[in-house]
């Protein structure tokens, strides 16, 4: 395992990435947690994976970067958005980005421009630098306005096969529609604009991280090797 500082948040907190495997491998996966600060289990779920894998052998034909907490300012303040009040999952430079928040709810504020936030830029830059093939975003179904059950959501037909394999491994249903509009989302940008394999995991917000990890952690193995 290699630990790198990928950049800093709005408030200057270092954002770390944990790298496993060989950089020249074709099968490259990015795993991101902590996008919304009100979903701390999403970061802790990734932390548990890093802790488990750091002393284990890793497949030679795979490369993974794990970012447990891409939004450290929001996690510290328990806010959905970052320190600028921007919902990072509405800030990606997708064809669907809109300058005003969905339904006028500032909890979904998209930022002043696509990829205006340093945290978003870290992910955009990593995709380019490493030519990432698959992106797995870890969330919980802590919602502001639009409720959704725990699930595996996928963006684009190219993402469906892996999502269904992860569904079998994790016992979470796979859906191609999360059920509400997500303009400027990471999943939409990756899956529909860049045509990458893009999967969003929505875990049960009412459960603690160790319980969630015990129940669903096999999804990591399937995601990395798929």
C-alpha atoms as a PDB file:
ATOM      1  CA  UNK A   1       0.000   0.000   0.000  1.00  0.00           C
ATOM      2  CA  UNK A   2       1.093   3.530  -0.759  1.00  0.00           C
ATOM      3  CA  UNK A   3      -0.403   6.561   0.981  1.00  0.00           C
ATOM      4  CA  UNK A   4      -0.384   9.890  -0.869  1.00  0.00           C
ATOM      5  CA  UNK A   5      -1.708  13.374  -0.176  1.00  0.00           C
ATOM      6  CA  UNK A   6      -3.865  14.142  -3.200  1.00  0.00           C
ATOM      7  CA  UNK A   7      -4.672  17.746  -2.355  1.00  0.00           C
ATOM      8  CA  UNK A   8      -6.403  19.889   0.225  1.00  0.00           C
ATOM      9  CA  UNK A   9      -9.972  20.816   1.066  1.00  0.00           C
ATOM     10  CA  UNK A  10     -11.372  24.344   1.065  1.00  0.00           C
ATOM     11  CA  UNK A  11     -10.201  24.711   4.678  1.00  0.00           C
ATOM     12  CA  UNK A  12      -6.789  23.253   3.907  1.00  0.00           C
ATOM     13  CA  UNK A  13      -7.280  19.759   5.315  1.00  0.00           C
ATOM     14  CA  UNK A  14      -5.149  17.158   3.535  1.00  0.00           C
ATOM     15  CA  UNK A  15      -7.082  14.624   1.472  1.00  0.00           C
ATOM     16  CA  UNK A  16      -5.361  11.237   1.358  1.00  0.00           C
ATOM     17  CA  UNK A  17      -5.500   8.446  -1.148  1.00  0.00           C
ATOM     18  CA  UNK A  18      -4.453   4.844  -0.546  1.00  0.00           C
ATOM     19  CA  UNK A  19      -3.039   2.991  -3.541  1.00  0.00           C
ATOM     20  CA  UNK A  20      -2.885  -0.772  -4.011  1.00  0.00           C
ATOM     21  CA  UNK A  21      -1.482  -2.833  -6.875  1.00  0.00           C
ATOM     22  CA  UNK A  22       0.505  -1.921  -9.955  1.00  0.00           C
ATOM     23  CA  UNK A  23      -0.038   1.437 -11.625  1.00  0.00           C
ATOM     24  CA  UNK A  24       0.455  -0.046 -15.099  1.00  0.00           C
ATOM     25  CA  UNK A  25      -2.367  -2.576 -14.633  1.00  0.00           C
ATOM     26  CA  UNK A  26      -5.262  -2.264 -17.078  1.00  0.00           C
ATOM     27  CA  UNK A  27      -7.904  -2.971 -14.434  1.00  0.00           C
ATOM     28  CA  UNK A  28      -7.992   0.323 -12.520  1.00  0.00           C
ATOM     29  CA  UNK A  29     -10.579   1.253  -9.897  1.00  0.00           C
ATOM     30  CA  UNK A  30     -11.223   4.416  -7.893  1.00  0.00           C
ATOM     31  CA  UNK A  31     -13.219   4.078  -4.658  1.00  0.00           C
ATOM     32  CA  UNK A  32     -14.503   7.289  -3.066  1.00  0.00           C
ATOM     33  CA  UNK A  33     -16.230   7.781   0.290  1.00  0.00           C
ATOM     34  CA  UNK A  34     -17.267  10.731   2.396  1.00  0.00           C
ATOM     35  CA  UNK A  35     -18.640  12.835  -0.466  1.00  0.00           C
ATOM     36  CA  UNK A  36     -21.409  14.076   1.815  1.00  0.00           C
ATOM     37  CA  UNK A  37     -20.393  15.027   5.335  1.00  0.00           C
ATOM     38  CA  UNK A  38     -23.689  13.806   6.771  1.00  0.00           C
ATOM     39  CA  UNK A  39     -22.767  10.252   5.716  1.00  0.00           C
ATOM     40  CA  UNK A  40     -19.774   9.411   7.953  1.00  0.00           C
ATOM     41  CA  UNK A  41     -20.314   5.656   7.607  1.00  0.00           C
ATOM     42  CA  UNK A  42     -19.324   5.998   3.951  1.00  0.00           C
ATOM     43  CA  UNK A  43     -15.849   7.156   5.000  1.00  0.00           C
ATOM     44  CA  UNK A  44     -15.586   4.600   7.802  1.00  0.00           C
ATOM     45  CA  UNK A  45     -16.654   1.808   5.425  1.00  0.00           C
ATOM     46  CA  UNK A  46     -13.716   2.708   3.158  1.00  0.00           C
ATOM     47  CA  UNK A  47     -11.365   3.054   6.143  1.00  0.00           C
ATOM     48  CA  UNK A  48     -12.207  -0.502   7.177  1.00  0.00           C
ATOM     49  CA  UNK A  49     -11.356  -1.751   3.686  1.00  0.00           C
ATOM     50  CA  UNK A  50      -7.995   0.061   3.706  1.00  0.00           C
ATOM     51  CA  UNK A  51      -7.197  -1.303   7.161  1.00  0.00           C
ATOM     52  CA  UNK A  52      -8.057  -4.851   6.086  1.00  0.00           C
ATOM     53  CA  UNK A  53      -6.122  -4.738   2.823  1.00  0.00           C
ATOM     54  CA  UNK A  54      -2.952  -2.896   3.825  1.00  0.00           C
ATOM     55  CA  UNK A  55      -1.146  -6.030   4.988  1.00  0.00           C
ATOM     56  CA  UNK A  56      -2.611  -8.465   2.469  1.00  0.00           C
ATOM     57  CA  UNK A  57      -1.248  -9.410  -0.974  1.00  0.00           C
ATOM     58  CA  UNK A  58      -2.957  -7.592  -3.817  1.00  0.00           C
ATOM     59  CA  UNK A  59      -3.706  -9.011  -7.289  1.00  0.00           C
ATOM     60  CA  UNK A  60      -0.972  -8.226  -9.828  1.00  0.00           C
ATOM     61  CA  UNK A  61      -3.461  -7.360 -12.541  1.00  0.00           C
ATOM     62  CA  UNK A  62      -5.386  -4.719 -10.583  1.00  0.00           C
ATOM     63  CA  UNK A  63      -4.775  -1.162  -9.392  1.00  0.00           C
ATOM     64  CA  UNK A  64      -6.970   0.620  -6.845  1.00  0.00           C
ATOM     65  CA  UNK A  65      -7.035   4.074  -5.305  1.00  0.00           C
ATOM     66  CA  UNK A  66      -9.227   4.512  -2.224  1.00  0.00           C
ATOM     67  CA  UNK A  67     -10.181   8.000  -1.001  1.00  0.00           C
ATOM     68  CA  UNK A  68     -12.120   7.393   2.225  1.00  0.00           C
ATOM     69  CA  UNK A  69     -12.982  11.051   2.899  1.00  0.00           C
ATOM     70  CA  UNK A  70     -13.059  13.357  -0.116  1.00  0.00           C
ATOM     71  CA  UNK A  71     -15.036  15.983   1.861  1.00  0.00           C
ATOM     72  CA  UNK A  72     -13.202  16.347   5.197  1.00  0.00           C
ATOM     73  CA  UNK A  73     -14.655  19.791   5.925  1.00  0.00           C
ATOM     74  CA  UNK A  74     -18.192  18.512   5.554  1.00  0.00           C
ATOM     75  CA  UNK A  75     -17.419  15.416   7.624  1.00  0.00           C
ATOM     76  CA  UNK A  76     -15.993  17.568  10.423  1.00  0.00           C
ATOM     77  CA  UNK A  77     -19.013  19.891  10.420  1.00  0.00           C
ATOM     78  CA  UNK A  78     -21.599  17.164   9.636  1.00  0.00           C
ATOM     79  CA  UNK A  79     -22.848  19.093   6.621  1.00  0.00           C
ATOM     80  CA  UNK A  80     -23.820  17.663   3.255  1.00  0.00           C
ATOM     81  CA  UNK A  81     -21.695  20.160   1.347  1.00  0.00           C
ATOM     82  CA  UNK A  82     -18.096  21.279   1.679  1.00  0.00           C
ATOM     83  CA  UNK A  83     -16.902  24.412   3.491  1.00  0.00           C
ATOM     84  CA  UNK A  84     -18.252  26.536   0.616  1.00  0.00           C
ATOM     85  CA  UNK A  85     -21.676  24.963   1.029  1.00  0.00           C
ATOM     86  CA  UNK A  86     -21.334  23.130  -2.282  1.00  0.00           C
ATOM     87  CA  UNK A  87     -22.745  19.641  -2.762  1.00  0.00           C
ATOM     88  CA  UNK A  88     -19.756  17.927  -4.380  1.00  0.00           C
ATOM     89  CA  UNK A  89     -22.081  15.400  -5.980  1.00  0.00           C
ATOM     90  CA  UNK A  90     -23.672  18.229  -7.995  1.00  0.00           C
ATOM     91  CA  UNK A  91     -20.372  19.923  -8.892  1.00  0.00           C
ATOM     92  CA  UNK A  92     -18.943  17.628 -11.562  1.00  0.00           C
ATOM     93  CA  UNK A  93     -18.404  18.914 -15.131  1.00  0.00           C
ATOM     94  CA  UNK A  94     -21.145  16.808 -16.652  1.00  0.00           C
ATOM     95  CA  UNK A  95     -23.476  17.723 -19.485  1.00  0.00           C
ATOM     96  CA  UNK A  96     -26.287  17.855 -16.908  1.00  0.00           C
ATOM     97  CA  UNK A  97     -24.677  20.424 -14.563  1.00  0.00           C
ATOM     98  CA  UNK A  98     -27.017  23.266 -13.649  1.00  0.00           C
ATOM     99  CA  UNK A  99     -26.157  26.573 -12.051  1.00  0.00           C
ATOM    100  CA  UNK A 100     -29.083  26.470  -9.611  1.00  0.00           C
ATOM    101  CA  UNK A 101     -29.804  23.790  -6.995  1.00  0.00           C
ATOM    102  CA  UNK A 102     -32.465  21.144  -7.580  1.00  0.00           C
ATOM    103  CA  UNK A 103     -35.906  22.343  -6.400  1.00  0.00           C
ATOM    104  CA  UNK A 104     -34.252  25.484  -5.058  1.00  0.00           C
ATOM    105  CA  UNK A 105     -32.820  23.534  -2.096  1.00  0.00           C
ATOM    106  CA  UNK A 106     -29.388  24.968  -1.214  1.00  0.00           C
ATOM    107  CA  UNK A 107     -28.370  21.647   0.310  1.00  0.00           C
ATOM    108  CA  UNK A 108     -27.834  20.624  -3.340  1.00  0.00           C
ATOM    109  CA  UNK A 109     -25.919  23.782  -4.288  1.00  0.00           C
ATOM    110  CA  UNK A 110     -23.888  22.967  -7.439  1.00  0.00           C
ATOM    111  CA  UNK A 111     -21.160  25.587  -7.002  1.00  0.00           C
ATOM    112  CA  UNK A 112     -20.264  28.635  -9.079  1.00  0.00           C
ATOM    113  CA  UNK A 113     -19.119  26.516 -12.037  1.00  0.00           C
ATOM    114  CA  UNK A 114     -18.552  22.831 -12.890  1.00  0.00           C
ATOM    115  CA  UNK A 115     -15.593  21.440 -10.883  1.00  0.00           C
ATOM    116  CA  UNK A 116     -15.258  24.750  -9.033  1.00  0.00           C
ATOM    117  CA  UNK A 117     -14.315  22.973  -5.780  1.00  0.00           C
ATOM    118  CA  UNK A 118     -10.841  21.648  -4.908  1.00  0.00           C
ATOM    119  CA  UNK A 119     -12.285  18.338  -3.740  1.00  0.00           C
ATOM    120  CA  UNK A 120     -14.041  17.772  -7.072  1.00  0.00           C
ATOM    121  CA  UNK A 121     -10.879  18.678  -8.972  1.00  0.00           C
ATOM    122  CA  UNK A 122      -8.931  15.974  -7.128  1.00  0.00           C
ATOM    123  CA  UNK A 123     -11.214  13.300  -8.573  1.00  0.00           C
ATOM    124  CA  UNK A 124     -11.274  14.819 -12.067  1.00  0.00           C
ATOM    125  CA  UNK A 125      -7.461  15.000 -12.079  1.00  0.00           C
ATOM    126  CA  UNK A 126      -7.063  11.412 -10.830  1.00  0.00           C
ATOM    127  CA  UNK A 127      -9.272  10.108 -13.619  1.00  0.00           C
ATOM    128  CA  UNK A 128      -7.026  11.765 -16.182  1.00  0.00           C
ATOM    129  CA  UNK A 129      -3.711  10.885 -14.541  1.00  0.00           C
ATOM    130  CA  UNK A 130      -4.367   7.170 -14.089  1.00  0.00           C
ATOM    131  CA  UNK A 131      -6.955   6.532 -16.817  1.00  0.00           C
ATOM    132  CA  UNK A 132      -9.286   4.958 -14.272  1.00  0.00           C
ATOM    133  CA  UNK A 133     -11.621   2.303 -15.691  1.00  0.00           C
ATOM    134  CA  UNK A 134     -14.153   1.937 -12.847  1.00  0.00           C
ATOM    135  CA  UNK A 135     -15.383   4.305 -10.146  1.00  0.00           C
ATOM    136  CA  UNK A 136     -17.215   3.135  -7.026  1.00  0.00           C
ATOM    137  CA  UNK A 137     -18.796   5.836  -4.844  1.00  0.00           C
ATOM    138  CA  UNK A 138     -19.819   4.881  -1.309  1.00  0.00           C
ATOM    139  CA  UNK A 139     -22.782   6.723   0.230  1.00  0.00           C
ATOM    140  CA  UNK A 140     -25.455   6.098   2.820  1.00  0.00           C
ATOM    141  CA  UNK A 141     -29.108   6.834   2.179  1.00  0.00           C
ATOM    142  CA  UNK A 142     -29.076   9.870   4.476  1.00  0.00           C
ATOM    143  CA  UNK A 143     -31.288  12.187   2.482  1.00  0.00           C
ATOM    144  CA  UNK A 144     -32.283  15.847   2.489  1.00  0.00           C
ATOM    145  CA  UNK A 145     -35.310  15.736   0.227  1.00  0.00           C
ATOM    146  CA  UNK A 146     -35.456  12.592  -1.884  1.00  0.00           C
ATOM    147  CA  UNK A 147     -35.645   9.274   0.013  1.00  0.00           C
ATOM    148  CA  UNK A 148     -34.102   6.152  -1.466  1.00  0.00           C
ATOM    149  CA  UNK A 149     -33.604   2.627  -0.114  1.00  0.00           C
ATOM    150  CA  UNK A 150     -30.174   0.992   0.239  1.00  0.00           C
ATOM    151  CA  UNK A 151     -29.122  -0.075  -3.246  1.00  0.00           C
ATOM    152  CA  UNK A 152     -26.460  -0.326  -5.894  1.00  0.00           C
ATOM    153  CA  UNK A 153     -27.090   2.380  -8.465  1.00  0.00           C
ATOM    154  CA  UNK A 154     -25.310   2.283 -11.813  1.00  0.00           C
ATOM    155  CA  UNK A 155     -24.921   4.871 -14.563  1.00  0.00           C
ATOM    156  CA  UNK A 156     -24.931   3.683 -18.161  1.00  0.00           C
ATOM    157  CA  UNK A 157     -25.442   0.262 -19.729  1.00  0.00           C
ATOM    158  CA  UNK A 158     -21.697  -0.425 -19.555  1.00  0.00           C
ATOM    159  CA  UNK A 159     -21.978  -0.358 -15.732  1.00  0.00           C
ATOM    160  CA  UNK A 160     -24.863  -2.794 -15.429  1.00  0.00           C
ATOM    161  CA  UNK A 161     -22.973  -6.113 -15.477  1.00  0.00           C
ATOM    162  CA  UNK A 162     -20.610  -5.189 -12.651  1.00  0.00           C
ATOM    163  CA  UNK A 163     -23.468  -3.660 -10.642  1.00  0.00           C
ATOM    164  CA  UNK A 164     -25.408  -6.899 -10.875  1.00  0.00           C
ATOM    165  CA  UNK A 165     -22.360  -8.907  -9.786  1.00  0.00           C
ATOM    166  CA  UNK A 166     -21.902  -6.554  -6.815  1.00  0.00           C
ATOM    167  CA  UNK A 167     -25.605  -6.912  -6.050  1.00  0.00           C
ATOM    168  CA  UNK A 168     -25.242 -10.674  -5.682  1.00  0.00           C
ATOM    169  CA  UNK A 169     -22.160 -10.246  -3.461  1.00  0.00           C
ATOM    170  CA  UNK A 170     -23.655  -7.566  -1.216  1.00  0.00           C
ATOM    171  CA  UNK A 171     -27.360  -8.538  -1.189  1.00  0.00           C
ATOM    172  CA  UNK A 172     -28.273  -4.999  -2.254  1.00  0.00           C
ATOM    173  CA  UNK A 173     -30.611  -4.539  -5.242  1.00  0.00           C
ATOM    174  CA  UNK A 174     -29.150  -3.013  -8.409  1.00  0.00           C
ATOM    175  CA  UNK A 175     -30.986  -0.161 -10.143  1.00  0.00           C
ATOM    176  CA  UNK A 176     -30.173   1.975 -13.162  1.00  0.00           C
ATOM    177  CA  UNK A 177     -32.267   4.871 -11.851  1.00  0.00           C
ATOM    178  CA  UNK A 178     -31.827   6.259  -8.369  1.00  0.00           C
ATOM    179  CA  UNK A 179     -35.278   7.794  -8.516  1.00  0.00           C
ATOM    180  CA  UNK A 180     -34.629  11.545  -8.504  1.00  0.00           C
ATOM    181  CA  UNK A 181     -32.700  14.133 -10.559  1.00  0.00           C
ATOM    182  CA  UNK A 182     -28.941  14.401  -9.952  1.00  0.00           C
ATOM    183  CA  UNK A 183     -27.594  17.103 -12.308  1.00  0.00           C
ATOM    184  CA  UNK A 184     -23.813  17.459 -12.088  1.00  0.00           C
ATOM    185  CA  UNK A 185     -23.393  14.199 -10.195  1.00  0.00           C
ATOM    186  CA  UNK A 186     -20.165  12.223 -10.247  1.00  0.00           C
ATOM    187  CA  UNK A 187     -22.000   9.122 -11.435  1.00  0.00           C
ATOM    188  CA  UNK A 188     -23.668  10.906 -14.319  1.00  0.00           C
ATOM    189  CA  UNK A 189     -20.429  12.567 -15.402  1.00  0.00           C
ATOM    190  CA  UNK A 190     -18.493   9.311 -15.337  1.00  0.00           C
ATOM    191  CA  UNK A 191     -21.118   6.929 -16.622  1.00  0.00           C
ATOM    192  CA  UNK A 192     -22.844   8.969 -19.306  1.00  0.00           C
ATOM    193  CA  UNK A 193     -20.309  11.612 -20.351  1.00  0.00           C
ATOM    194  CA  UNK A 194     -17.051   9.651 -20.017  1.00  0.00           C
ATOM    195  CA  UNK A 195     -18.624   6.198 -20.592  1.00  0.00           C
ATOM    196  CA  UNK A 196     -16.726   4.670 -17.661  1.00  0.00           C
ATOM    197  CA  UNK A 197     -18.095   2.020 -15.337  1.00  0.00           C
ATOM    198  CA  UNK A 198     -19.756   4.078 -12.624  1.00  0.00           C
ATOM    199  CA  UNK A 199     -21.451   2.600  -9.573  1.00  0.00           C
ATOM    200  CA  UNK A 200     -22.890   4.292  -6.489  1.00  0.00           C
ATOM    201  CA  UNK A 201     -23.439   2.256  -3.327  1.00  0.00           C
ATOM    202  CA  UNK A 202     -26.219   3.495  -1.032  1.00  0.00           C
ATOM    203  CA  UNK A 203     -25.815   1.838   2.380  1.00  0.00           C
ATOM    204  CA  UNK A 204     -28.301   1.868   5.247  1.00  0.00           C
ATOM    205  CA  UNK A 205     -27.738   5.107   7.168  1.00  0.00           C
ATOM    206  CA  UNK A 206     -29.326   3.673  10.313  1.00  0.00           C
ATOM    207  CA  UNK A 207     -26.556   1.045  10.706  1.00  0.00           C
ATOM    208  CA  UNK A 208     -23.081   1.455  12.198  1.00  0.00           C
ATOM    209  CA  UNK A 209     -20.035   1.021  10.002  1.00  0.00           C
ATOM    210  CA  UNK A 210     -18.741  -2.311  11.414  1.00  0.00           C
ATOM    211  CA  UNK A 211     -22.152  -3.879  10.864  1.00  0.00           C
ATOM    212  CA  UNK A 212     -22.337  -2.517   7.319  1.00  0.00           C
ATOM    213  CA  UNK A 213     -18.826  -3.718   6.550  1.00  0.00           C
ATOM    214  CA  UNK A 214     -19.473  -7.201   7.873  1.00  0.00           C
ATOM    215  CA  UNK A 215     -22.601  -7.472   5.754  1.00  0.00           C
ATOM    216  CA  UNK A 216     -21.488  -5.826   2.499  1.00  0.00           C
ATOM    217  CA  UNK A 217     -17.685  -5.741   2.308  1.00  0.00           C
ATOM    218  CA  UNK A 218     -17.468  -8.429  -0.364  1.00  0.00           C
ATOM    219  CA  UNK A 219     -18.657  -5.823  -2.851  1.00  0.00           C
ATOM    220  CA  UNK A 220     -15.102  -4.414  -2.786  1.00  0.00           C
ATOM    221  CA  UNK A 221     -13.598  -7.697  -3.964  1.00  0.00           C
ATOM    222  CA  UNK A 222     -16.088  -7.951  -6.814  1.00  0.00           C
ATOM    223  CA  UNK A 223     -15.605  -4.297  -7.776  1.00  0.00           C
ATOM    224  CA  UNK A 224     -11.814  -4.534  -7.877  1.00  0.00           C
ATOM    225  CA  UNK A 225     -11.605  -7.802  -9.787  1.00  0.00           C
ATOM    226  CA  UNK A 226     -14.601  -7.227 -12.073  1.00  0.00           C
END
